[in-house]
Amino acid sequence: SIKEGMQVPSTTELSKFYKINPATVLKGVNILVDKEILFKKRGIGMFVSKGAKEIIKNGRKENFKEVYLKDLIGEAKKLGITKEELLDMISDFKEE
């Protein structure tokens, strides 16, 4: 795994390794730069930003809320499950 501050492979290397179009790799890298997960050192390459792991984790939490919780709450409403009942179900849930 690549840690914060480490250099990431070039778009060419990523393209060859994953056997995907270099333009697709570049789009992905640019998204990561826009999200401040990667940063460019001119003439040197791309590096993982400090705090990148936290940025990714926060993004996943937001996605969890927007996708999973929205669906969960919507389904609970359809079934007539109250907020309190839902919270009780979550509290009582045991992972296997």
N, C-alpha and C. Protein backbone atom coordinates (compact mmCIF):
# COMPACT_ATOMS: atom_id res chain seq x y z
N SER A 1 0.84 -1.19 0.00
CA SER A 1 0.00 0.00 0.00
C SER A 1 0.88 1.24 0.00
N ILE A 2 0.39 2.28 -0.62
CA ILE A 2 1.14 3.53 -0.73
C ILE A 2 0.72 4.44 0.41
N LYS A 3 1.67 4.91 1.17
CA LYS A 3 1.38 5.72 2.36
C LYS A 3 1.47 7.21 2.04
N GLU A 4 0.94 8.02 2.95
CA GLU A 4 0.98 9.47 2.79
C GLU A 4 2.42 9.93 2.58
N GLY A 5 2.59 10.84 1.63
CA GLY A 5 3.91 11.37 1.32
C GLY A 5 4.68 10.58 0.29
N MET A 6 4.23 9.36 0.01
CA MET A 6 4.93 8.52 -0.96
C MET A 6 4.54 8.88 -2.39
N GLN A 7 5.46 8.63 -3.30
CA GLN A 7 5.18 8.86 -4.71
C GLN A 7 4.35 7.71 -5.26
N VAL A 8 3.40 8.04 -6.12
CA VAL A 8 2.57 7.02 -6.76
C VAL A 8 3.13 6.74 -8.16
N PRO A 9 2.84 5.56 -8.70
CA PRO A 9 3.30 5.26 -10.06
C PRO A 9 2.75 6.27 -11.07
N SER A 10 3.47 6.41 -12.16
CA SER A 10 3.04 7.33 -13.22
C SER A 10 1.78 6.80 -13.89
N THR A 11 1.11 7.68 -14.61
CA THR A 11 -0.10 7.26 -15.33
C THR A 11 0.24 6.16 -16.35
N THR A 12 1.41 6.24 -16.96
CA THR A 12 1.83 5.22 -17.91
C THR A 12 2.01 3.87 -17.22
N GLU A 13 2.67 3.90 -16.06
CA GLU A 13 2.87 2.66 -15.30
C GLU A 13 1.53 2.06 -14.87
N LEU A 14 0.64 2.91 -14.37
CA LEU A 14 -0.68 2.44 -13.94
C LEU A 14 -1.47 1.87 -15.12
N SER A 15 -1.39 2.55 -16.25
CA SER A 15 -2.09 2.11 -17.45
C SER A 15 -1.62 0.73 -17.89
N LYS A 16 -0.31 0.53 -17.90
CA LYS A 16 0.25 -0.76 -18.30
C LYS A 16 -0.09 -1.85 -17.29
N PHE A 17 0.05 -1.54 -16.01
CA PHE A 17 -0.18 -2.53 -14.96
C PHE A 17 -1.63 -3.01 -14.95
N TYR A 18 -2.58 -2.08 -15.04
CA TYR A 18 -4.00 -2.43 -14.98
C TYR A 18 -4.61 -2.68 -16.35
N LYS A 19 -3.81 -2.48 -17.40
CA LYS A 19 -4.25 -2.70 -18.78
C LYS A 19 -5.50 -1.87 -19.11
N ILE A 20 -5.41 -0.57 -18.79
CA ILE A 20 -6.50 0.35 -19.11
C ILE A 20 -5.94 1.54 -19.87
N ASN A 21 -6.82 2.24 -20.53
CA ASN A 21 -6.46 3.39 -21.35
C ASN A 21 -5.78 4.47 -20.49
N PRO A 22 -4.65 5.03 -20.96
CA PRO A 22 -3.97 6.08 -20.21
C PRO A 22 -4.87 7.30 -19.93
N ALA A 23 -5.79 7.60 -20.84
CA ALA A 23 -6.70 8.73 -20.63
C ALA A 23 -7.62 8.46 -19.43
N THR A 24 -8.02 7.21 -19.26
CA THR A 24 -8.85 6.82 -18.12
C THR A 24 -8.07 6.98 -16.82
N VAL A 25 -6.82 6.55 -16.83
CA VAL A 25 -5.95 6.70 -15.66
C VAL A 25 -5.80 8.18 -15.32
N LEU A 26 -5.56 8.99 -16.33
CA LEU A 26 -5.37 10.43 -16.13
C LEU A 26 -6.62 11.06 -15.52
N LYS A 27 -7.79 10.65 -15.99
CA LYS A 27 -9.04 11.16 -15.41
C LYS A 27 -9.13 10.82 -13.93
N GLY A 28 -8.81 9.57 -13.61
CA GLY A 28 -8.85 9.12 -12.22
C GLY A 28 -7.86 9.88 -11.35
N VAL A 29 -6.67 10.07 -11.85
CA VAL A 29 -5.64 10.81 -11.11
C VAL A 29 -6.09 12.25 -10.89
N ASN A 30 -6.65 12.86 -11.92
CA ASN A 30 -7.13 14.24 -11.79
C ASN A 30 -8.26 14.36 -10.76
N ILE A 31 -9.11 13.37 -10.68
CA ILE A 31 -10.16 13.36 -9.65
C ILE A 31 -9.52 13.32 -8.27
N LEU A 32 -8.51 12.48 -8.11
CA LEU A 32 -7.81 12.38 -6.82
C LEU A 32 -7.09 13.67 -6.47
N VAL A 33 -6.56 14.36 -7.46
CA VAL A 33 -5.93 15.67 -7.24
C VAL A 33 -6.98 16.69 -6.82
N ASP A 34 -8.12 16.69 -7.53
CA ASP A 34 -9.22 17.61 -7.19
C ASP A 34 -9.73 17.41 -5.77
N LYS A 35 -9.70 16.15 -5.31
CA LYS A 35 -10.16 15.83 -3.96
C LYS A 35 -9.04 15.99 -2.92
N GLU A 36 -7.88 16.44 -3.39
CA GLU A 36 -6.69 16.67 -2.55
C GLU A 36 -6.17 15.40 -1.90
N ILE A 37 -6.37 14.27 -2.57
CA ILE A 37 -5.83 12.99 -2.12
C ILE A 37 -4.41 12.82 -2.67
N LEU A 38 -4.20 13.32 -3.87
CA LEU A 38 -2.88 13.34 -4.49
C LEU A 38 -2.49 14.78 -4.78
N PHE A 39 -1.17 15.03 -4.85
CA PHE A 39 -0.69 16.34 -5.28
C PHE A 39 0.49 16.15 -6.22
N LYS A 40 0.68 17.14 -7.08
CA LYS A 40 1.72 17.09 -8.10
C LYS A 40 2.95 17.85 -7.63
N LYS A 41 4.11 17.25 -7.84
CA LYS A 41 5.38 17.96 -7.68
C LYS A 41 5.91 18.10 -9.10
N ARG A 42 5.88 19.31 -9.58
CA ARG A 42 6.23 19.58 -10.96
C ARG A 42 7.59 18.96 -11.32
N GLY A 43 7.59 18.19 -12.39
CA GLY A 43 8.81 17.57 -12.88
C GLY A 43 9.23 16.33 -12.11
N ILE A 44 8.52 15.99 -11.05
CA ILE A 44 8.89 14.83 -10.24
C ILE A 44 7.83 13.74 -10.32
N GLY A 45 6.58 14.13 -10.09
CA GLY A 45 5.51 13.15 -10.15
C GLY A 45 4.38 13.45 -9.18
N MET A 46 3.57 12.43 -8.93
CA MET A 46 2.40 12.54 -8.06
C MET A 46 2.70 11.89 -6.73
N PHE A 47 2.18 12.51 -5.66
CA PHE A 47 2.41 12.01 -4.32
C PHE A 47 1.09 11.97 -3.55
N VAL A 48 1.04 11.09 -2.54
CA VAL A 48 -0.13 10.99 -1.68
C VAL A 48 -0.08 12.13 -0.67
N SER A 49 -1.16 12.88 -0.58
CA SER A 49 -1.24 14.03 0.32
C SER A 49 -1.31 13.60 1.78
N LYS A 50 -0.82 14.46 2.65
CA LYS A 50 -0.97 14.24 4.08
C LYS A 50 -2.46 14.36 4.38
N GLY A 51 -3.00 13.43 5.13
CA GLY A 51 -4.43 13.43 5.44
C GLY A 51 -5.29 12.74 4.40
N ALA A 52 -4.68 12.12 3.39
CA ALA A 52 -5.44 11.48 2.31
C ALA A 52 -6.36 10.38 2.84
N LYS A 53 -5.87 9.60 3.79
CA LYS A 53 -6.67 8.50 4.34
C LYS A 53 -7.94 9.05 5.01
N GLU A 54 -7.80 10.16 5.72
CA GLU A 54 -8.94 10.77 6.40
C GLU A 54 -9.93 11.35 5.39
N ILE A 55 -9.40 11.94 4.31
CA ILE A 55 -10.26 12.50 3.26
C ILE A 55 -11.10 11.37 2.64
N ILE A 56 -10.45 10.24 2.36
CA ILE A 56 -11.15 9.10 1.76
C ILE A 56 -12.20 8.56 2.74
N LYS A 57 -11.80 8.42 4.00
CA LYS A 57 -12.72 7.90 5.03
C LYS A 57 -13.94 8.80 5.17
N ASN A 58 -13.73 10.11 5.20
CA ASN A 58 -14.84 11.05 5.32
C ASN A 58 -15.77 10.98 4.11
N GLY A 59 -15.18 10.81 2.93
CA GLY A 59 -15.98 10.65 1.71
C GLY A 59 -16.83 9.40 1.76
N ARG A 60 -16.25 8.32 2.26
CA ARG A 60 -16.99 7.07 2.37
C ARG A 60 -18.12 7.18 3.40
N LYS A 61 -17.86 7.91 4.49
CA LYS A 61 -18.90 8.12 5.50
C LYS A 61 -20.07 8.89 4.90
N GLU A 62 -19.76 9.92 4.13
CA GLU A 62 -20.81 10.72 3.49
C GLU A 62 -21.59 9.86 2.51
N ASN A 63 -20.89 9.03 1.74
CA ASN A 63 -21.55 8.13 0.80
C ASN A 63 -22.44 7.14 1.54
N PHE A 64 -21.96 6.62 2.66
CA PHE A 64 -22.74 5.70 3.48
C PHE A 64 -24.05 6.35 3.90
N LYS A 65 -23.93 7.59 4.35
CA LYS A 65 -25.12 8.32 4.80
C LYS A 65 -26.09 8.55 3.64
N GLU A 66 -25.58 8.98 2.52
CA GLU A 66 -26.43 9.32 1.38
C GLU A 66 -27.03 8.11 0.68
N VAL A 67 -26.33 6.99 0.69
CA VAL A 67 -26.81 5.82 -0.04
C VAL A 67 -27.48 4.83 0.91
N TYR A 68 -26.71 4.28 1.82
CA TYR A 68 -27.23 3.20 2.67
C TYR A 68 -28.30 3.68 3.64
N LEU A 69 -28.01 4.76 4.35
CA LEU A 69 -28.99 5.22 5.33
C LEU A 69 -30.27 5.70 4.67
N LYS A 70 -30.14 6.37 3.53
CA LYS A 70 -31.32 6.84 2.81
C LYS A 70 -32.21 5.65 2.44
N ASP A 71 -31.58 4.58 1.91
CA ASP A 71 -32.33 3.38 1.55
C ASP A 71 -32.91 2.69 2.78
N LEU A 72 -32.13 2.60 3.84
CA LEU A 72 -32.58 1.96 5.07
C LEU A 72 -33.78 2.68 5.66
N ILE A 73 -33.69 3.98 5.75
CA ILE A 73 -34.78 4.77 6.32
C ILE A 73 -36.02 4.71 5.41
N GLY A 74 -35.80 4.76 4.12
CA GLY A 74 -36.92 4.65 3.17
C GLY A 74 -37.64 3.33 3.31
N GLU A 75 -36.89 2.25 3.42
CA GLU A 75 -37.50 0.91 3.58
C GLU A 75 -38.21 0.80 4.93
N ALA A 76 -37.60 1.35 5.97
CA ALA A 76 -38.22 1.33 7.30
C ALA A 76 -39.57 2.06 7.27
N LYS A 77 -39.61 3.19 6.60
CA LYS A 77 -40.88 3.95 6.50
C LYS A 77 -41.95 3.13 5.79
N LYS A 78 -41.54 2.45 4.70
CA LYS A 78 -42.50 1.62 3.96
C LYS A 78 -43.07 0.52 4.84
N LEU A 79 -42.26 0.03 5.77
CA LEU A 79 -42.67 -1.07 6.65
C LEU A 79 -43.32 -0.57 7.94
N GLY A 80 -43.40 0.74 8.10
CA GLY A 80 -44.01 1.31 9.29
C GLY A 80 -43.13 1.21 10.53
N ILE A 81 -41.83 1.09 10.32
CA ILE A 81 -40.89 1.02 11.45
C ILE A 81 -40.56 2.44 11.89
N THR A 82 -40.77 2.72 13.17
CA THR A 82 -40.48 4.06 13.69
C THR A 82 -38.97 4.25 13.86
N LYS A 83 -38.59 5.50 14.02
CA LYS A 83 -37.18 5.82 14.24
C LYS A 83 -36.67 5.10 15.49
N GLU A 84 -37.47 5.11 16.54
CA GLU A 84 -37.09 4.46 17.80
C GLU A 84 -36.91 2.95 17.61
N GLU A 85 -37.84 2.34 16.87
CA GLU A 85 -37.73 0.90 16.60
C GLU A 85 -36.47 0.59 15.79
N LEU A 86 -36.19 1.44 14.82
CA LEU A 86 -35.01 1.26 13.99
C LEU A 86 -33.74 1.39 14.82
N LEU A 87 -33.69 2.39 15.69
CA LEU A 87 -32.53 2.57 16.56
C LEU A 87 -32.37 1.37 17.50
N ASP A 88 -33.48 0.85 18.00
CA ASP A 88 -33.42 -0.34 18.85
C ASP A 88 -32.88 -1.54 18.07
N MET A 89 -33.34 -1.70 16.83
CA MET A 89 -32.85 -2.80 15.99
C MET A 89 -31.34 -2.70 15.79
N ILE A 90 -30.88 -1.48 15.53
CA ILE A 90 -29.44 -1.28 15.31
C ILE A 90 -28.67 -1.57 16.60
N SER A 91 -29.18 -1.11 17.74
CA SER A 91 -28.53 -1.37 19.03
C SER A 91 -28.48 -2.85 19.36
N ASP A 92 -29.55 -3.57 19.02
CA ASP A 92 -29.63 -4.99 19.34
C ASP A 92 -28.90 -5.88 18.32
N PHE A 93 -28.54 -5.32 17.19
CA PHE A 93 -27.93 -6.12 16.12
C PHE A 93 -26.58 -6.66 16.58
N LYS A 94 -26.40 -7.94 16.37
CA LYS A 94 -25.15 -8.58 16.73
C LYS A 94 -24.46 -9.03 15.45
N GLU A 95 -23.20 -8.61 15.31
CA GLU A 95 -22.44 -9.04 14.14
C GLU A 95 -22.07 -10.50 14.29
N GLU A 96 -22.07 -11.19 13.18
CA GLU A 96 -21.72 -12.63 13.23
C GLU A 96 -20.33 -12.84 12.73
